[in-house]
Amino acid sequence: MAALILYFGYQAFTGDRGLLTSGQRGKALTEKTAEVKIIHNQRVELERRAQLLRDTNLSADLLEERAHSLLGYADPRDYVIREN
C-alpha cells in the first residue's frame, strides 16, 4: 500500500500533469494561443481575398492580370514589361 501511495504521490508532482509541470503547460498554452491568433488572422485575410473572387465582385481584368503574374503565362500577342 505504501508503494502505491508513493507512486501516485511521485506522479502527482512530476508526471505529465503534475504540479511541477504546470509552468510548462502555461507556457505551451500561451504559445498555442498566439499561434491560433496568427492562423485566425490568416484565415480572415484568405476569406477576404476569396470574397473578391466571387461572381458578384469579380473583375475579369483583375483576375486575368493576377493569373498571368502568378502562373507566368502571357498571350503571344501581349507586350510584357517586367520590373526588377
C-alpha atoms as a PDB file:
ATOM      1  CA  MET A   1       0.000   0.000   0.000  1.00  0.00           C
ATOM      2  CA  ALA A   2       2.867   2.346   0.837  1.00  0.00           C
ATOM      3  CA  ALA A   3       4.440   1.734  -2.602  1.00  0.00           C
ATOM      4  CA  LEU A   4       1.170   2.603  -4.288  1.00  0.00           C
ATOM      5  CA  ILE A   5       0.871   5.841  -2.287  1.00  0.00           C
ATOM      6  CA  LEU A   6       4.496   6.732  -3.105  1.00  0.00           C
ATOM      7  CA  TYR A   7       3.948   6.043  -6.802  1.00  0.00           C
ATOM      8  CA  PHE A   8       0.843   8.209  -7.048  1.00  0.00           C
ATOM      9  CA  GLY A   9       2.455  10.918  -4.921  1.00  0.00           C
ATOM     10  CA  TYR A  10       5.515  10.966  -7.194  1.00  0.00           C
ATOM     11  CA  GLN A  11       3.318  11.160 -10.305  1.00  0.00           C
ATOM     12  CA  ALA A  12       1.272  13.974  -8.749  1.00  0.00           C
ATOM     13  CA  PHE A  13       4.418  16.101  -8.568  1.00  0.00           C
ATOM     14  CA  THR A  14       6.449  15.060 -11.597  1.00  0.00           C
ATOM     15  CA  GLY A  15       4.024  13.422 -14.024  1.00  0.00           C
ATOM     16  CA  ASP A  16       2.769  14.889 -17.303  1.00  0.00           C
ATOM     17  CA  ARG A  17       0.010  16.700 -15.441  1.00  0.00           C
ATOM     18  CA  GLY A  18       1.871  17.122 -12.178  1.00  0.00           C
ATOM     19  CA  LEU A  19       2.333  20.196 -10.056  1.00  0.00           C
ATOM     20  CA  LEU A  20       5.903  20.795 -11.234  1.00  0.00           C
ATOM     21  CA  THR A  21       4.940  20.866 -14.917  1.00  0.00           C
ATOM     22  CA  SER A  22       2.148  23.445 -14.599  1.00  0.00           C
ATOM     23  CA  GLY A  23       4.533  26.214 -15.708  1.00  0.00           C
ATOM     24  CA  GLN A  24       5.349  24.300 -18.874  1.00  0.00           C
ATOM     25  CA  ARG A  25       1.649  23.831 -19.587  1.00  0.00           C
ATOM     26  CA  GLY A  26       1.048  27.550 -19.113  1.00  0.00           C
ATOM     27  CA  LYS A  27       3.880  28.386 -21.498  1.00  0.00           C
ATOM     28  CA  ALA A  28       2.581  25.908 -24.084  1.00  0.00           C
ATOM     29  CA  LEU A  29      -0.914  27.374 -23.733  1.00  0.00           C
ATOM     30  CA  THR A  30       0.431  30.882 -24.333  1.00  0.00           C
ATOM     31  CA  GLU A  31       2.340  29.733 -27.421  1.00  0.00           C
ATOM     32  CA  LYS A  32      -0.669  27.885 -28.841  1.00  0.00           C
ATOM     33  CA  THR A  33      -2.935  30.878 -28.183  1.00  0.00           C
ATOM     34  CA  ALA A  34      -0.572  33.119 -30.155  1.00  0.00           C
ATOM     35  CA  GLU A  35      -0.457  30.534 -32.950  1.00  0.00           C
ATOM     36  CA  VAL A  36      -4.270  30.395 -33.057  1.00  0.00           C
ATOM     37  CA  LYS A  37      -4.418  34.199 -33.375  1.00  0.00           C
ATOM     38  CA  ILE A  38      -1.969  34.135 -36.302  1.00  0.00           C
ATOM     39  CA  ILE A  39      -3.910  31.370 -38.045  1.00  0.00           C
ATOM     40  CA  HIS A  40      -7.189  33.198 -37.426  1.00  0.00           C
ATOM     41  CA  ASN A  41      -5.771  36.381 -38.985  1.00  0.00           C
ATOM     42  CA  GLN A  42      -4.553  34.387 -41.994  1.00  0.00           C
ATOM     43  CA  ARG A  43      -7.995  32.840 -42.386  1.00  0.00           C
ATOM     44  CA  VAL A  44      -9.711  36.222 -42.241  1.00  0.00           C
ATOM     45  CA  GLU A  45      -7.337  37.533 -44.924  1.00  0.00           C
ATOM     46  CA  LEU A  46      -7.929  34.499 -47.141  1.00  0.00           C
ATOM     47  CA  GLU A  47     -11.689  34.807 -46.722  1.00  0.00           C
ATOM     48  CA  ARG A  48     -11.475  38.480 -47.686  1.00  0.00           C
ATOM     49  CA  ARG A  49      -9.439  37.633 -50.780  1.00  0.00           C
ATOM     50  CA  ALA A  50     -11.825  34.811 -51.693  1.00  0.00           C
ATOM     51  CA  GLN A  51     -14.745  37.221 -51.390  1.00  0.00           C
ATOM     52  CA  LEU A  52     -13.128  39.350 -54.098  1.00  0.00           C
ATOM     53  CA  LEU A  53     -13.238  36.352 -56.438  1.00  0.00           C
ATOM     54  CA  ARG A  54     -16.977  35.774 -56.032  1.00  0.00           C
ATOM     55  CA  ASP A  55     -19.182  36.285 -59.095  1.00  0.00           C
ATOM     56  CA  THR A  56     -20.729  39.412 -57.636  1.00  0.00           C
ATOM     57  CA  ASN A  57     -17.375  41.149 -57.139  1.00  0.00           C
ATOM     58  CA  LEU A  58     -15.312  39.544 -59.884  1.00  0.00           C
ATOM     59  CA  SER A  59     -13.281  41.768 -62.136  1.00  0.00           C
ATOM     60  CA  ALA A  60     -12.232  39.810 -65.221  1.00  0.00           C
ATOM     61  CA  ASP A  61      -9.282  42.102 -65.915  1.00  0.00           C
ATOM     62  CA  LEU A  62      -8.017  41.845 -62.359  1.00  0.00           C
ATOM     63  CA  LEU A  63      -8.416  38.068 -62.379  1.00  0.00           C
ATOM     64  CA  GLU A  64      -6.580  37.729 -65.699  1.00  0.00           C
ATOM     65  CA  GLU A  65      -3.769  40.006 -64.560  1.00  0.00           C
ATOM     66  CA  ARG A  66      -3.350  38.059 -61.312  1.00  0.00           C
ATOM     67  CA  ALA A  67      -3.351  34.709 -63.134  1.00  0.00           C
ATOM     68  CA  HIS A  68      -0.711  35.936 -65.571  1.00  0.00           C
ATOM     69  CA  SER A  69       1.542  37.181 -62.783  1.00  0.00           C
ATOM     70  CA  LEU A  70       1.177  34.045 -60.642  1.00  0.00           C
ATOM     71  CA  LEU A  71       1.452  31.486 -63.416  1.00  0.00           C
ATOM     72  CA  GLY A  72       3.933  33.379 -65.572  1.00  0.00           C
ATOM     73  CA  TYR A  73       1.819  32.946 -68.711  1.00  0.00           C
ATOM     74  CA  ALA A  74       1.187  35.577 -71.330  1.00  0.00           C
ATOM     75  CA  ASP A  75      -0.565  35.683 -74.663  1.00  0.00           C
ATOM     76  CA  PRO A  76       1.951  35.698 -77.548  1.00  0.00           C
ATOM     77  CA  ARG A  77       0.386  38.968 -78.713  1.00  0.00           C
ATOM     78  CA  ASP A  78       0.925  40.648 -75.337  1.00  0.00           C
ATOM     79  CA  TYR A  79       3.761  43.006 -74.581  1.00  0.00           C
ATOM     80  CA  VAL A  80       5.325  42.024 -71.273  1.00  0.00           C
ATOM     81  CA  ILE A  81       7.313  44.559 -69.277  1.00  0.00           C
ATOM     82  CA  ARG A  82       8.998  43.082 -66.222  1.00  0.00           C
ATOM     83  CA  GLU A  83      10.123  45.217 -63.310  1.00  0.00           C
ATOM     84  CA  ASN A  84      13.086  44.027 -61.268  1.00  0.00           C
END
